[in-house]
Amino acid sequence: MTRFLLWCILLFLCWPLALAALVLYPIVWLLLLPFRIVGIAVGGVFSLLTAIITLPARLLRAI
């Protein structure tokens, strides 16, 4: 809701910039999508490594 209100204010103050932002936002989102996917994959790998490294300690603590 806040983004929409900010966009409405921008539309009132400078409508060409607001329309350019409206058109360019999906393009920028598509360009940044691979970086998000890589970030999710790297986060998963780090979680897996953390689980593997801490597994012996968790097994010893359970005994």
C-alpha atoms as a PDB file:
ATOM      1  CA  MET A   1       0.000   0.000   0.000  1.00  0.00           C
ATOM      2  CA  THR A   2       2.852   2.363   0.822  1.00  0.00           C
ATOM      3  CA  ARG A   3       4.488   1.770  -2.551  1.00  0.00           C
ATOM      4  CA  PHE A   4       1.230   2.536  -4.298  1.00  0.00           C
ATOM      5  CA  LEU A   5       0.795   5.787  -2.383  1.00  0.00           C
ATOM      6  CA  LEU A   6       4.374   6.790  -3.155  1.00  0.00           C
ATOM      7  CA  TRP A   7       3.764   6.004  -6.816  1.00  0.00           C
ATOM      8  CA  CYS A   8       0.608   8.139  -6.786  1.00  0.00           C
ATOM      9  CA  ILE A   9       2.575  11.042  -5.320  1.00  0.00           C
ATOM     10  CA  LEU A  10       5.232  10.551  -7.986  1.00  0.00           C
ATOM     11  CA  LEU A  11       2.511  10.444 -10.636  1.00  0.00           C
ATOM     12  CA  PHE A  12       1.158  13.750  -9.388  1.00  0.00           C
ATOM     13  CA  LEU A  13       4.572  15.414  -9.225  1.00  0.00           C
ATOM     14  CA  CYS A  14       6.259  14.003 -12.324  1.00  0.00           C
ATOM     15  CA  TRP A  15       4.035  11.780 -14.433  1.00  0.00           C
ATOM     16  CA  PRO A  16       6.640  10.804 -17.102  1.00  0.00           C
ATOM     17  CA  LEU A  17       8.951   9.427 -14.427  1.00  0.00           C
ATOM     18  CA  ALA A  18       6.082   7.541 -12.789  1.00  0.00           C
ATOM     19  CA  LEU A  19       5.057   5.967 -16.090  1.00  0.00           C
ATOM     20  CA  ALA A  20       8.673   5.045 -16.849  1.00  0.00           C
ATOM     21  CA  ALA A  21       8.928   3.384 -13.431  1.00  0.00           C
ATOM     22  CA  LEU A  22       5.695   1.520 -14.107  1.00  0.00           C
ATOM     23  CA  VAL A  23       7.011   0.202 -17.434  1.00  0.00           C
ATOM     24  CA  LEU A  24      10.583  -0.540 -16.317  1.00  0.00           C
ATOM     25  CA  TYR A  25       9.753  -2.299 -13.024  1.00  0.00           C
ATOM     26  CA  PRO A  26       8.814  -5.672 -14.617  1.00  0.00           C
ATOM     27  CA  ILE A  27      11.913  -5.566 -16.832  1.00  0.00           C
ATOM     28  CA  VAL A  28      14.210  -4.919 -13.871  1.00  0.00           C
ATOM     29  CA  TRP A  29      12.429  -7.647 -11.898  1.00  0.00           C
ATOM     30  CA  LEU A  30      13.060 -10.149 -14.713  1.00  0.00           C
ATOM     31  CA  LEU A  31      16.714  -9.128 -14.952  1.00  0.00           C
ATOM     32  CA  LEU A  32      17.231  -9.621 -11.203  1.00  0.00           C
ATOM     33  CA  LEU A  33      15.389 -12.967 -11.032  1.00  0.00           C
ATOM     34  CA  PRO A  34      18.467 -15.150 -11.784  1.00  0.00           C
ATOM     35  CA  PHE A  35      20.359 -13.474  -8.940  1.00  0.00           C
ATOM     36  CA  ARG A  36      17.531 -14.328  -6.539  1.00  0.00           C
ATOM     37  CA  ILE A  37      17.567 -17.948  -7.688  1.00  0.00           C
ATOM     38  CA  VAL A  38      21.349 -18.127  -7.183  1.00  0.00           C
ATOM     39  CA  GLY A  39      20.945 -16.562  -3.728  1.00  0.00           C
ATOM     40  CA  ILE A  40      18.372 -19.177  -2.742  1.00  0.00           C
ATOM     41  CA  ALA A  41      20.643 -21.982  -4.007  1.00  0.00           C
ATOM     42  CA  VAL A  42      23.686 -20.624  -2.152  1.00  0.00           C
ATOM     43  CA  GLY A  43      21.650 -20.268   1.036  1.00  0.00           C
ATOM     44  CA  GLY A  44      20.549 -23.888   0.684  1.00  0.00           C
ATOM     45  CA  VAL A  45      24.126 -25.070   0.212  1.00  0.00           C
ATOM     46  CA  PHE A  46      25.248 -23.168   3.311  1.00  0.00           C
ATOM     47  CA  SER A  47      22.396 -24.672   5.320  1.00  0.00           C
ATOM     48  CA  LEU A  48      23.357 -28.144   4.126  1.00  0.00           C
ATOM     49  CA  LEU A  49      27.001 -27.595   5.057  1.00  0.00           C
ATOM     50  CA  THR A  50      25.998 -26.298   8.479  1.00  0.00           C
ATOM     51  CA  ALA A  51      23.809 -29.356   9.046  1.00  0.00           C
ATOM     52  CA  ILE A  52      26.609 -31.712   7.978  1.00  0.00           C
ATOM     53  CA  ILE A  53      29.228 -30.005  10.152  1.00  0.00           C
ATOM     54  CA  THR A  54      27.032 -29.860  13.262  1.00  0.00           C
ATOM     55  CA  LEU A  55      25.626 -33.380  12.881  1.00  0.00           C
ATOM     56  CA  PRO A  56      28.237 -35.136  15.076  1.00  0.00           C
ATOM     57  CA  ALA A  57      27.744 -32.622  17.893  1.00  0.00           C
ATOM     58  CA  ARG A  58      23.982 -33.023  17.746  1.00  0.00           C
ATOM     59  CA  LEU A  59      24.314 -36.813  17.765  1.00  0.00           C
ATOM     60  CA  LEU A  60      26.638 -36.732  20.802  1.00  0.00           C
ATOM     61  CA  ARG A  61      24.343 -34.327  22.620  1.00  0.00           C
ATOM     62  CA  ALA A  62      21.387 -36.676  22.068  1.00  0.00           C
ATOM     63  CA  ILE A  63      23.129 -39.566  23.798  1.00  0.00           C
END
